[in-house]
């Protein structure tokens, strides 16, 4: 019984600590990913009276741009992937420093 209680306490402590991590605010761009606009089709079943019909349901998905940054200094080893606008994706190069929410990457993490 004591072992279960200790396991429970450890799990609660671990969960509490994971909520204490600061999100990345600045980091080194380590990857870029682009997903071009496309259409996703799923099947939708509609029933009218006693008749059931399956029809395609097309959903347009616009272009999406993502960058992955790796933390620096006290956040070294942490990574975060985020969606950015196309102009930011075009301007940021792998190896640039990027401040979350910035319009573009920069060579200096203090200039963000």
PDB file of N, CA and C in Angstrom:
ATOM      1  N   UNK A   1       0.819  -1.189   0.000  1.00  0.00           N
ATOM      2  CA  UNK A   1       0.000   0.000   0.000  1.00  0.00           C
ATOM      3  C   UNK A   1       0.863   1.254   0.000  1.00  0.00           C
ATOM      4  N   UNK A   2       1.966   1.209   0.767  1.00  0.00           N
ATOM      5  CA  UNK A   2       2.864   2.355   0.844  1.00  0.00           C
ATOM      6  C   UNK A   2       3.514   2.621  -0.516  1.00  0.00           C
ATOM      7  N   UNK A   3       3.831   1.550  -1.260  1.00  0.00           N
ATOM      8  CA  UNK A   3       4.452   1.699  -2.566  1.00  0.00           C
ATOM      9  C   UNK A   3       3.519   2.417  -3.524  1.00  0.00           C
ATOM     10  N   UNK A   4       2.242   2.079  -3.528  1.00  0.00           N
ATOM     11  CA  UNK A   4       1.267   2.755  -4.386  1.00  0.00           C
ATOM     12  C   UNK A   4       1.182   4.233  -4.047  1.00  0.00           C
ATOM     13  N   UNK A   5       1.191   4.550  -2.777  1.00  0.00           N
ATOM     14  CA  UNK A   5       1.113   5.948  -2.353  1.00  0.00           C
ATOM     15  C   UNK A   5       2.343   6.713  -2.830  1.00  0.00           C
ATOM     16  N   UNK A   6       3.507   6.095  -2.723  1.00  0.00           N
ATOM     17  CA  UNK A   6       4.731   6.767  -3.163  1.00  0.00           C
ATOM     18  C   UNK A   6       4.732   6.968  -4.677  1.00  0.00           C
ATOM     19  N   UNK A   7       4.279   5.970  -5.423  1.00  0.00           N
ATOM     20  CA  UNK A   7       4.194   6.096  -6.885  1.00  0.00           C
ATOM     21  C   UNK A   7       3.239   7.227  -7.245  1.00  0.00           C
ATOM     22  N   UNK A   8       2.123   7.306  -6.561  1.00  0.00           N
ATOM     23  CA  UNK A   8       1.149   8.369  -6.807  1.00  0.00           C
ATOM     24  C   UNK A   8       1.764   9.741  -6.547  1.00  0.00           C
ATOM     25  N   UNK A   9       2.483   9.885  -5.451  1.00  0.00           N
ATOM     26  CA  UNK A   9       3.113  11.167  -5.103  1.00  0.00           C
ATOM     27  C   UNK A   9       4.145  11.546  -6.161  1.00  0.00           C
ATOM     28  N   UNK A  10       4.944  10.590  -6.616  1.00  0.00           N
ATOM     29  CA  UNK A  10       5.951  10.860  -7.635  1.00  0.00           C
ATOM     30  C   UNK A  10       5.293  11.282  -8.946  1.00  0.00           C
ATOM     31  N   UNK A  11       4.232  10.595  -9.349  1.00  0.00           N
ATOM     32  CA  UNK A  11       3.533  10.956 -10.580  1.00  0.00           C
ATOM     33  C   UNK A  11       2.938  12.346 -10.497  1.00  0.00           C
ATOM     34  N   UNK A  12       2.330  12.686  -9.388  1.00  0.00           N
ATOM     35  CA  UNK A  12       1.755  14.018  -9.222  1.00  0.00           C
ATOM     36  C   UNK A  12       2.856  15.076  -9.276  1.00  0.00           C
ATOM     37  N   UNK A  13       3.991  14.804  -8.649  1.00  0.00           N
ATOM     38  CA  UNK A  13       5.108  15.753  -8.662  1.00  0.00           C
ATOM     39  C   UNK A  13       5.644  15.941 -10.080  1.00  0.00           C
ATOM     40  N   UNK A  14       5.765  14.851 -10.841  1.00  0.00           N
ATOM     41  CA  UNK A  14       6.244  14.957 -12.213  1.00  0.00           C
ATOM     42  C   UNK A  14       5.279  15.759 -13.076  1.00  0.00           C
ATOM     43  N   UNK A  15       3.999  15.523 -12.913  1.00  0.00           N
ATOM     44  CA  UNK A  15       3.015  16.289 -13.668  1.00  0.00           C
ATOM     45  C   UNK A  15       3.068  17.765 -13.304  1.00  0.00           C
ATOM     46  N   UNK A  16       3.243  18.066 -12.056  1.00  0.00           N
ATOM     47  CA  UNK A  16       3.324  19.454 -11.615  1.00  0.00           C
ATOM     48  C   UNK A  16       4.562  20.132 -12.187  1.00  0.00           C
ATOM     49  N   UNK A  17       5.672  19.415 -12.236  1.00  0.00           N
ATOM     50  CA  UNK A  17       6.909  19.999 -12.747  1.00  0.00           C
ATOM     51  C   UNK A  17       6.866  20.232 -14.245  1.00  0.00           C
ATOM     52  N   UNK A  18       6.183  19.376 -14.994  1.00  0.00           N
ATOM     53  CA  UNK A  18       6.122  19.571 -16.441  1.00  0.00           C
ATOM     54  C   UNK A  18       5.379  20.845 -16.785  1.00  0.00           C
ATOM     55  N   UNK A  19       4.483  21.294 -15.954  1.00  0.00           N
ATOM     56  CA  UNK A  19       3.775  22.545 -16.188  1.00  0.00           C
ATOM     57  C   UNK A  19       4.626  23.757 -15.891  1.00  0.00           C
ATOM     58  N   UNK A  20       5.794  23.583 -15.273  1.00  0.00           N
ATOM     59  CA  UNK A  20       6.654  24.697 -14.890  1.00  0.00           C
ATOM     60  C   UNK A  20       7.625  25.102 -15.997  1.00  0.00           C
ATOM     61  N   UNK A  21       7.742  24.318 -17.052  1.00  0.00           N
ATOM     62  CA  UNK A  21       8.681  24.641 -18.109  1.00  0.00           C
ATOM     63  C   UNK A  21       8.244  25.900 -18.841  1.00  0.00           C
ATOM     64  N   UNK A  22       9.197  26.786 -19.048  1.00  0.00           N
ATOM     65  CA  UNK A  22       8.936  28.009 -19.792  1.00  0.00           C
ATOM     66  C   UNK A  22       8.872  27.683 -21.283  1.00  0.00           C
ATOM     67  N   UNK A  23       7.923  28.249 -22.020  1.00  0.00           N
ATOM     68  CA  UNK A  23       7.906  28.019 -23.464  1.00  0.00           C
ATOM     69  C   UNK A  23       9.092  28.734 -24.110  1.00  0.00           C
ATOM     70  N   UNK A  24       9.555  28.203 -25.225  1.00  0.00           N
ATOM     71  CA  UNK A  24      10.666  28.831 -25.932  1.00  0.00           C
ATOM     72  C   UNK A  24      10.239  30.199 -26.451  1.00  0.00           C
ATOM     73  N   UNK A  25      11.054  31.198 -26.208  1.00  0.00           N
ATOM     74  CA  UNK A  25      10.791  32.533 -26.727  1.00  0.00           C
ATOM     75  C   UNK A  25      11.779  32.917 -27.818  1.00  0.00           C
ATOM     76  N   UNK A  26      12.969  32.341 -27.752  1.00  0.00           N
ATOM     77  CA  UNK A  26      13.988  32.594 -28.764  1.00  0.00           C
ATOM     78  C   UNK A  26      14.789  31.317 -28.946  1.00  0.00           C
ATOM     79  N   UNK A  27      15.211  31.078 -30.177  1.00  0.00           N
ATOM     80  CA  UNK A  27      15.988  29.879 -30.421  1.00  0.00           C
ATOM     81  C   UNK A  27      16.639  29.906 -31.782  1.00  0.00           C
ATOM     82  N   UNK A  28      17.370  28.878 -32.058  1.00  0.00           N
ATOM     83  CA  UNK A  28      18.075  28.708 -33.313  1.00  0.00           C
ATOM     84  C   UNK A  28      17.190  27.895 -34.254  1.00  0.00           C
ATOM     85  N   UNK A  29      16.975  28.394 -35.457  1.00  0.00           N
ATOM     86  CA  UNK A  29      16.142  27.669 -36.433  1.00  0.00           C
ATOM     87  C   UNK A  29      16.907  26.430 -36.888  1.00  0.00           C
ATOM     88  N   UNK A  30      16.309  25.256 -36.655  1.00  0.00           N
ATOM     89  CA  UNK A  30      16.969  23.993 -37.006  1.00  0.00           C
ATOM     90  C   UNK A  30      16.259  23.250 -38.137  1.00  0.00           C
ATOM     91  N   UNK A  31      15.022  23.655 -38.467  1.00  0.00           N
ATOM     92  CA  UNK A  31      14.297  22.983 -39.552  1.00  0.00           C
ATOM     93  C   UNK A  31      13.183  23.885 -40.064  1.00  0.00           C
ATOM     94  N   UNK A  32      12.848  23.696 -41.336  1.00  0.00           N
ATOM     95  CA  UNK A  32      11.725  24.393 -41.968  1.00  0.00           C
ATOM     96  C   UNK A  32      10.899  23.346 -42.706  1.00  0.00           C
ATOM     97  N   UNK A  33       9.579  23.506 -42.672  1.00  0.00           N
ATOM     98  CA  UNK A  33       8.704  22.536 -43.323  1.00  0.00           C
ATOM     99  C   UNK A  33       7.548  23.279 -43.983  1.00  0.00           C
ATOM    100  N   UNK A  34       7.234  22.914 -45.219  1.00  0.00           N
ATOM    101  CA  UNK A  34       6.151  23.541 -45.974  1.00  0.00           C
ATOM    102  C   UNK A  34       5.160  22.473 -46.415  1.00  0.00           C
ATOM    103  N   UNK A  35       3.882  22.728 -46.184  1.00  0.00           N
ATOM    104  CA  UNK A  35       2.817  21.844 -46.667  1.00  0.00           C
ATOM    105  C   UNK A  35       2.007  22.647 -47.674  1.00  0.00           C
ATOM    106  N   UNK A  36       2.064  22.274 -48.963  1.00  0.00           N
ATOM    107  CA  UNK A  36       1.337  23.039 -49.977  1.00  0.00           C
ATOM    108  C   UNK A  36      -0.175  22.888 -49.830  1.00  0.00           C
ATOM    109  N   UNK A  37      -0.881  23.878 -50.357  1.00  0.00           N
ATOM    110  CA  UNK A  37      -2.343  23.853 -50.339  1.00  0.00           C
ATOM    111  C   UNK A  37      -2.831  22.583 -51.024  1.00  0.00           C
ATOM    112  N   UNK A  38      -3.895  22.026 -50.478  1.00  0.00           N
ATOM    113  CA  UNK A  38      -4.449  20.801 -51.047  1.00  0.00           C
ATOM    114  C   UNK A  38      -5.908  20.656 -50.613  1.00  0.00           C
ATOM    115  N   UNK A  39      -6.546  19.685 -51.170  1.00  0.00           N
ATOM    116  CA  UNK A  39      -7.930  19.378 -50.812  1.00  0.00           C
ATOM    117  C   UNK A  39      -7.964  18.008 -50.155  1.00  0.00           C
ATOM    118  N   UNK A  40      -8.623  17.925 -49.012  1.00  0.00           N
ATOM    119  CA  UNK A  40      -8.824  16.650 -48.333  1.00  0.00           C
ATOM    120  C   UNK A  40     -10.263  16.224 -48.543  1.00  0.00           C
ATOM    121  N   UNK A  41     -10.421  14.983 -48.915  1.00  0.00           N
ATOM    122  CA  UNK A  41     -11.758  14.456 -49.187  1.00  0.00           C
ATOM    123  C   UNK A  41     -12.099  13.382 -48.166  1.00  0.00           C
ATOM    124  N   UNK A  42     -13.258  13.533 -47.574  1.00  0.00           N
ATOM    125  CA  UNK A  42     -13.778  12.491 -46.684  1.00  0.00           C
ATOM    126  C   UNK A  42     -15.180  12.146 -47.174  1.00  0.00           C
ATOM    127  N   UNK A  43     -15.693  11.033 -46.705  1.00  0.00           N
ATOM    128  CA  UNK A  43     -17.041  10.625 -47.117  1.00  0.00           C
ATOM    129  C   UNK A  43     -18.033  10.956 -46.017  1.00  0.00           C
ATOM    130  N   UNK A  44     -19.130  11.546 -46.430  1.00  0.00           N
ATOM    131  CA  UNK A  44     -20.175  11.941 -45.496  1.00  0.00           C
ATOM    132  C   UNK A  44     -21.442  11.151 -45.849  1.00  0.00           C
ATOM    133  N   UNK A  45     -22.049  10.538 -44.852  1.00  0.00           N
ATOM    134  CA  UNK A  45     -23.276   9.774 -45.069  1.00  0.00           C
ATOM    135  C   UNK A  45     -24.470  10.628 -44.665  1.00  0.00           C
ATOM    136  N   UNK A  46     -25.410  10.753 -45.590  1.00  0.00           N
ATOM    137  CA  UNK A  46     -26.618  11.540 -45.344  1.00  0.00           C
ATOM    138  C   UNK A  46     -27.827  10.627 -45.503  1.00  0.00           C
ATOM    139  N   UNK A  47     -28.748  10.714 -44.554  1.00  0.00           N
ATOM    140  CA  UNK A  47     -29.983   9.940 -44.638  1.00  0.00           C
ATOM    141  C   UNK A  47     -31.158  10.892 -44.775  1.00  0.00           C
ATOM    142  N   UNK A  48     -31.941  10.693 -45.835  1.00  0.00           N
ATOM    143  CA  UNK A  48     -33.161  11.470 -46.058  1.00  0.00           C
ATOM    144  C   UNK A  48     -34.293  10.457 -46.156  1.00  0.00           C
ATOM    145  N   UNK A  49     -35.268  10.595 -45.271  1.00  0.00           N
ATOM    146  CA  UNK A  49     -36.343   9.619 -45.158  1.00  0.00           C
ATOM    147  C   UNK A  49     -35.722   8.235 -44.934  1.00  0.00           C
ATOM    148  N   UNK A  50     -35.926   7.322 -45.871  1.00  0.00           N
ATOM    149  CA  UNK A  50     -35.377   5.977 -45.716  1.00  0.00           C
ATOM    150  C   UNK A  50     -34.211   5.723 -46.660  1.00  0.00           C
ATOM    151  N   UNK A  51     -33.743   6.776 -47.301  1.00  0.00           N
ATOM    152  CA  UNK A  51     -32.659   6.639 -48.255  1.00  0.00           C
ATOM    153  C   UNK A  51     -31.356   7.157 -47.653  1.00  0.00           C
ATOM    154  N   UNK A  52     -30.315   6.353 -47.729  1.00  0.00           N
ATOM    155  CA  UNK A  52     -28.995   6.752 -47.235  1.00  0.00           C
ATOM    156  C   UNK A  52     -28.055   6.898 -48.426  1.00  0.00           C
ATOM    157  N   UNK A  53     -27.379   8.033 -48.467  1.00  0.00           N
ATOM    158  CA  UNK A  53     -26.460   8.318 -49.568  1.00  0.00           C
ATOM    159  C   UNK A  53     -25.114   8.729 -48.983  1.00  0.00           C
ATOM    160  N   UNK A  54     -24.045   8.258 -49.583  1.00  0.00           N
ATOM    161  CA  UNK A  54     -22.697   8.658 -49.190  1.00  0.00           C
ATOM    162  C   UNK A  54     -22.164   9.603 -50.253  1.00  0.00           C
ATOM    163  N   UNK A  55     -21.748  10.790 -49.805  1.00  0.00           N
ATOM    164  CA  UNK A  55     -21.241  11.785 -50.749  1.00  0.00           C
ATOM    165  C   UNK A  55     -19.844  12.236 -50.312  1.00  0.00           C
ATOM    166  N   UNK A  56     -19.030  12.670 -51.262  1.00  0.00           N
ATOM    167  CA  UNK A  56     -17.713  13.188 -50.881  1.00  0.00           C
ATOM    168  C   UNK A  56     -17.844  14.574 -50.253  1.00  0.00           C
ATOM    169  N   UNK A  57     -17.037  14.822 -49.259  1.00  0.00           N
ATOM    170  CA  UNK A  57     -17.007  16.126 -48.602  1.00  0.00           C
ATOM    171  C   UNK A  57     -15.584  16.663 -48.770  1.00  0.00           C
ATOM    172  N   UNK A  58     -15.413  17.656 -49.640  1.00  0.00           N
ATOM    173  CA  UNK A  58     -14.098  18.215 -49.934  1.00  0.00           C
ATOM    174  C   UNK A  58     -13.826  19.417 -49.047  1.00  0.00           C
ATOM    175  N   UNK A  59     -12.626  19.435 -48.471  1.00  0.00           N
ATOM    176  CA  UNK A  59     -12.228  20.552 -47.614  1.00  0.00           C
ATOM    177  C   UNK A  59     -10.904  21.101 -48.125  1.00  0.00           C
ATOM    178  N   UNK A  60     -10.879  22.387 -48.456  1.00  0.00           N
ATOM    179  CA  UNK A  60      -9.658  23.029 -48.938  1.00  0.00           C
ATOM    180  C   UNK A  60      -8.760  23.375 -47.756  1.00  0.00           C
ATOM    181  N   UNK A  61      -7.506  22.967 -47.825  1.00  0.00           N
ATOM    182  CA  UNK A  61      -6.514  23.265 -46.794  1.00  0.00           C
ATOM    183  C   UNK A  61      -5.482  24.203 -47.430  1.00  0.00           C
ATOM    184  N   UNK A  62      -5.345  25.438 -46.910  1.00  0.00           N
ATOM    185  CA  UNK A  62      -4.392  26.386 -47.506  1.00  0.00           C
ATOM    186  C   UNK A  62      -2.942  26.013 -47.205  1.00  0.00           C
ATOM    187  N   UNK A  63      -2.004  26.703 -47.881  1.00  0.00           N
ATOM    188  CA  UNK A  63      -0.583  26.519 -47.604  1.00  0.00           C
ATOM    189  C   UNK A  63      -0.313  26.696 -46.116  1.00  0.00           C
ATOM    190  N   UNK A  64       0.641  25.917 -45.599  1.00  0.00           N
ATOM    191  CA  UNK A  64       1.060  26.057 -44.204  1.00  0.00           C
ATOM    192  C   UNK A  64       2.578  25.988 -44.154  1.00  0.00           C
ATOM    193  N   UNK A  65       3.167  26.876 -43.345  1.00  0.00           N
ATOM    194  CA  UNK A  65       4.608  26.964 -43.181  1.00  0.00           C
ATOM    195  C   UNK A  65       4.951  26.760 -41.719  1.00  0.00           C
ATOM    196  N   UNK A  66       5.981  25.944 -41.451  1.00  0.00           N
ATOM    197  CA  UNK A  66       6.401  25.649 -40.082  1.00  0.00           C
ATOM    198  C   UNK A  66       7.911  25.820 -39.957  1.00  0.00           C
ATOM    199  N   UNK A  67       8.344  26.276 -38.780  1.00  0.00           N
ATOM    200  CA  UNK A  67       9.761  26.263 -38.449  1.00  0.00           C
ATOM    201  C   UNK A  67       9.919  25.559 -37.111  1.00  0.00           C
ATOM    202  N   UNK A  68      11.079  24.956 -36.923  1.00  0.00           N
ATOM    203  CA  UNK A  68      11.418  24.334 -35.645  1.00  0.00           C
ATOM    204  C   UNK A  68      12.616  25.077 -35.094  1.00  0.00           C
ATOM    205  N   UNK A  69      12.497  25.512 -33.829  1.00  0.00           N
ATOM    206  CA  UNK A  69      13.614  26.192 -33.184  1.00  0.00           C
ATOM    207  C   UNK A  69      14.122  25.348 -32.027  1.00  0.00           C
ATOM    208  N   UNK A  70      15.400  25.480 -31.762  1.00  0.00           N
ATOM    209  CA  UNK A  70      16.041  24.800 -30.647  1.00  0.00           C
ATOM    210  C   UNK A  70      16.458  25.857 -29.645  1.00  0.00           C
ATOM    211  N   UNK A  71      16.202  25.593 -28.368  1.00  0.00           N
ATOM    212  CA  UNK A  71      16.491  26.562 -27.324  1.00  0.00           C
ATOM    213  C   UNK A  71      17.975  26.834 -27.169  1.00  0.00           C
ATOM    214  N   UNK A  72      18.272  28.011 -26.620  1.00  0.00           N
ATOM    215  CA  UNK A  72      19.651  28.402 -26.349  1.00  0.00           C
ATOM    216  C   UNK A  72      19.774  28.745 -24.871  1.00  0.00           C
ATOM    217  N   UNK A  73      20.993  28.817 -24.401  1.00  0.00           N
ATOM    218  CA  UNK A  73      21.297  29.148 -23.002  1.00  0.00           C
ATOM    219  C   UNK A  73      20.585  28.190 -22.056  1.00  0.00           C
ATOM    220  N   UNK A  74      19.749  28.707 -21.147  1.00  0.00           N
ATOM    221  CA  UNK A  74      19.095  27.856 -20.145  1.00  0.00           C
ATOM    222  C   UNK A  74      18.035  26.930 -20.745  1.00  0.00           C
ATOM    223  N   UNK A  75      17.633  27.175 -21.975  1.00  0.00           N
ATOM    224  CA  UNK A  75      16.629  26.321 -22.623  1.00  0.00           C
ATOM    225  C   UNK A  75      17.261  25.394 -23.659  1.00  0.00           C
ATOM    226  N   UNK A  76      18.564  25.236 -23.607  1.00  0.00           N
ATOM    227  CA  UNK A  76      19.266  24.360 -24.556  1.00  0.00           C
ATOM    228  C   UNK A  76      18.692  22.948 -24.446  1.00  0.00           C
ATOM    229  N   UNK A  77      18.512  22.308 -25.580  1.00  0.00           N
ATOM    230  CA  UNK A  77      17.968  20.954 -25.606  1.00  0.00           C
ATOM    231  C   UNK A  77      16.468  20.914 -25.843  1.00  0.00           C
ATOM    232  N   UNK A  78      15.788  22.039 -25.624  1.00  0.00           N
ATOM    233  CA  UNK A  78      14.348  22.098 -25.883  1.00  0.00           C
ATOM    234  C   UNK A  78      14.131  22.481 -27.345  1.00  0.00           C
ATOM    235  N   UNK A  79      13.077  21.947 -27.953  1.00  0.00           N
ATOM    236  CA  UNK A  79      12.710  22.355 -29.304  1.00  0.00           C
ATOM    237  C   UNK A  79      11.228  22.678 -29.342  1.00  0.00           C
ATOM    238  N   UNK A  80      10.857  23.494 -30.318  1.00  0.00           N
ATOM    239  CA  UNK A  80       9.448  23.832 -30.516  1.00  0.00           C
ATOM    240  C   UNK A  80       9.215  24.020 -32.006  1.00  0.00           C
ATOM    241  N   UNK A  81       8.119  23.480 -32.497  1.00  0.00           N
ATOM    242  CA  UNK A  81       7.725  23.666 -33.889  1.00  0.00           C
ATOM    243  C   UNK A  81       6.491  24.546 -33.896  1.00  0.00           C
ATOM    244  N   UNK A  82       6.510  25.562 -34.763  1.00  0.00           N
ATOM    245  CA  UNK A  82       5.381  26.493 -34.798  1.00  0.00           C
ATOM    246  C   UNK A  82       5.042  26.868 -36.229  1.00  0.00           C
ATOM    247  N   UNK A  83       3.768  27.190 -36.441  1.00  0.00           N
ATOM    248  CA  UNK A  83       3.328  27.650 -37.744  1.00  0.00           C
ATOM    249  C   UNK A  83       3.637  29.138 -37.854  1.00  0.00           C
ATOM    250  N   UNK A  84       4.148  29.551 -39.016  1.00  0.00           N
ATOM    251  CA  UNK A  84       4.460  30.952 -39.267  1.00  0.00           C
ATOM    252  C   UNK A  84       3.836  31.356 -40.595  1.00  0.00           C
ATOM    253  N   UNK A  85       3.815  32.655 -40.880  1.00  0.00           N
ATOM    254  CA  UNK A  85       3.296  33.134 -42.162  1.00  0.00           C
ATOM    255  C   UNK A  85       4.343  32.895 -43.236  1.00  0.00           C
ATOM    256  N   UNK A  86       3.909  32.864 -44.486  1.00  0.00           N
ATOM    257  CA  UNK A  86       4.797  32.554 -45.599  1.00  0.00           C
ATOM    258  C   UNK A  86       5.979  33.501 -45.722  1.00  0.00           C
ATOM    259  N   UNK A  87       5.766  34.794 -45.489  1.00  0.00           N
ATOM    260  CA  UNK A  87       6.867  35.749 -45.620  1.00  0.00           C
ATOM    261  C   UNK A  87       7.938  35.500 -44.558  1.00  0.00           C
ATOM    262  N   UNK A  88       7.530  35.110 -43.360  1.00  0.00           N
ATOM    263  CA  UNK A  88       8.503  34.780 -42.315  1.00  0.00           C
ATOM    264  C   UNK A  88       9.290  33.546 -42.717  1.00  0.00           C
ATOM    265  N   UNK A  89       8.596  32.537 -43.214  1.00  0.00           N
ATOM    266  CA  UNK A  89       9.240  31.295 -43.632  1.00  0.00           C
ATOM    267  C   UNK A  89      10.267  31.568 -44.731  1.00  0.00           C
ATOM    268  N   UNK A  90       9.907  32.471 -45.669  1.00  0.00           N
ATOM    269  CA  UNK A  90      10.824  32.823 -46.756  1.00  0.00           C
ATOM    270  C   UNK A  90      12.075  33.531 -46.239  1.00  0.00           C
ATOM    271  N   UNK A  91      11.919  34.398 -45.239  1.00  0.00           N
ATOM    272  CA  UNK A  91      13.028  35.218 -44.744  1.00  0.00           C
ATOM    273  C   UNK A  91      13.944  34.497 -43.772  1.00  0.00           C
ATOM    274  N   UNK A  92      13.420  33.528 -43.032  1.00  0.00           N
ATOM    275  CA  UNK A  92      14.200  32.830 -42.010  1.00  0.00           C
ATOM    276  C   UNK A  92      15.011  31.719 -42.666  1.00  0.00           C
ATOM    277  N   UNK A  93      16.271  31.648 -42.304  1.00  0.00           N
ATOM    278  CA  UNK A  93      17.156  30.601 -42.810  1.00  0.00           C
ATOM    279  C   UNK A  93      17.536  29.676 -41.659  1.00  0.00           C
ATOM    280  N   UNK A  94      17.808  28.413 -41.979  1.00  0.00           N
ATOM    281  CA  UNK A  94      18.295  27.487 -40.955  1.00  0.00           C
ATOM    282  C   UNK A  94      19.614  28.042 -40.428  1.00  0.00           C
ATOM    283  N   UNK A  95      19.727  28.104 -39.119  1.00  0.00           N
ATOM    284  CA  UNK A  95      20.904  28.685 -38.483  1.00  0.00           C
ATOM    285  C   UNK A  95      20.650  30.090 -37.950  1.00  0.00           C
ATOM    286  N   UNK A  96      19.548  30.744 -38.389  1.00  0.00           N
ATOM    287  CA  UNK A  96      19.185  32.068 -37.870  1.00  0.00           C
ATOM    288  C   UNK A  96      18.634  31.941 -36.457  1.00  0.00           C
ATOM    289  N   UNK A  97      18.753  33.006 -35.696  1.00  0.00           N
ATOM    290  CA  UNK A  97      18.056  33.089 -34.421  1.00  0.00           C
ATOM    291  C   UNK A  97      16.657  33.602 -34.703  1.00  0.00           C
ATOM    292  N   UNK A  98      15.670  33.064 -34.012  1.00  0.00           N
ATOM    293  CA  UNK A  98      14.284  33.468 -34.222  1.00  0.00           C
ATOM    294  C   UNK A  98      13.635  33.736 -32.871  1.00  0.00           C
ATOM    295  N   UNK A  99      12.998  34.884 -32.753  1.00  0.00           N
ATOM    296  CA  UNK A  99      12.244  35.224 -31.552  1.00  0.00           C
ATOM    297  C   UNK A  99      10.771  34.960 -31.862  1.00  0.00           C
ATOM    298  N   UNK A 100      10.105  34.176 -31.026  1.00  0.00           N
ATOM    299  CA  UNK A 100       8.702  33.823 -31.234  1.00  0.00           C
ATOM    300  C   UNK A 100       7.879  35.102 -31.324  1.00  0.00           C
ATOM    301  N   UNK A 101       7.088  35.205 -32.382  1.00  0.00           N
ATOM    302  CA  UNK A 101       6.266  36.388 -32.607  1.00  0.00           C
ATOM    303  C   UNK A 101       6.946  37.438 -33.462  1.00  0.00           C
ATOM    304  N   UNK A 102       8.218  37.227 -33.778  1.00  0.00           N
ATOM    305  CA  UNK A 102       8.952  38.187 -34.610  1.00  0.00           C
ATOM    306  C   UNK A 102       8.506  38.050 -36.061  1.00  0.00           C
ATOM    307  N   UNK A 103       8.672  39.117 -36.823  1.00  0.00           N
ATOM    308  CA  UNK A 103       8.310  39.086 -38.239  1.00  0.00           C
ATOM    309  C   UNK A 103       9.281  38.268 -39.057  1.00  0.00           C
ATOM    310  N   UNK A 104      10.548  38.221 -38.615  1.00  0.00           N
ATOM    311  CA  UNK A 104      11.554  37.472 -39.373  1.00  0.00           C
ATOM    312  C   UNK A 104      12.681  37.075 -38.433  1.00  0.00           C
ATOM    313  N   UNK A 105      13.496  36.129 -38.882  1.00  0.00           N
ATOM    314  CA  UNK A 105      14.664  35.713 -38.106  1.00  0.00           C
ATOM    315  C   UNK A 105      15.750  36.766 -38.167  1.00  0.00           C
ATOM    316  N   UNK A 106      16.704  36.683 -37.285  1.00  0.00           N
ATOM    317  CA  UNK A 106      17.822  37.612 -37.307  1.00  0.00           C
ATOM    318  C   UNK A 106      19.089  36.866 -36.924  1.00  0.00           C
ATOM    319  N   UNK A 107      20.216  37.462 -37.177  1.00  0.00           N
ATOM    320  CA  UNK A 107      21.496  36.849 -36.822  1.00  0.00           C
ATOM    321  C   UNK A 107      21.822  37.089 -35.356  1.00  0.00           C
ATOM    322  N   UNK A 108      21.105  38.008 -34.689  1.00  0.00           N
ATOM    323  CA  UNK A 108      21.405  38.391 -33.315  1.00  0.00           C
ATOM    324  C   UNK A 108      20.199  38.108 -32.437  1.00  0.00           C
ATOM    325  N   UNK A 109      20.296  37.198 -31.444  1.00  0.00           N
ATOM    326  CA  UNK A 109      19.132  36.880 -30.623  1.00  0.00           C
ATOM    327  C   UNK A 109      18.657  38.061 -29.780  1.00  0.00           C
ATOM    328  N   UNK A 110      19.484  39.082 -29.591  1.00  0.00           N
ATOM    329  CA  UNK A 110      19.067  40.236 -28.797  1.00  0.00           C
ATOM    330  C   UNK A 110      18.267  41.245 -29.620  1.00  0.00           C
ATOM    331  N   UNK A 111      18.332  41.159 -30.951  1.00  0.00           N
ATOM    332  CA  UNK A 111      17.672  42.169 -31.776  1.00  0.00           C
ATOM    333  C   UNK A 111      16.212  41.881 -32.037  1.00  0.00           C
ATOM    334  N   UNK A 112      15.772  40.597 -31.830  1.00  0.00           N
ATOM    335  CA  UNK A 112      14.461  40.071 -32.066  1.00  0.00           C
ATOM    336  C   UNK A 112      13.410  40.947 -32.375  1.00  0.00           C
TER     337      UNK A 112
END
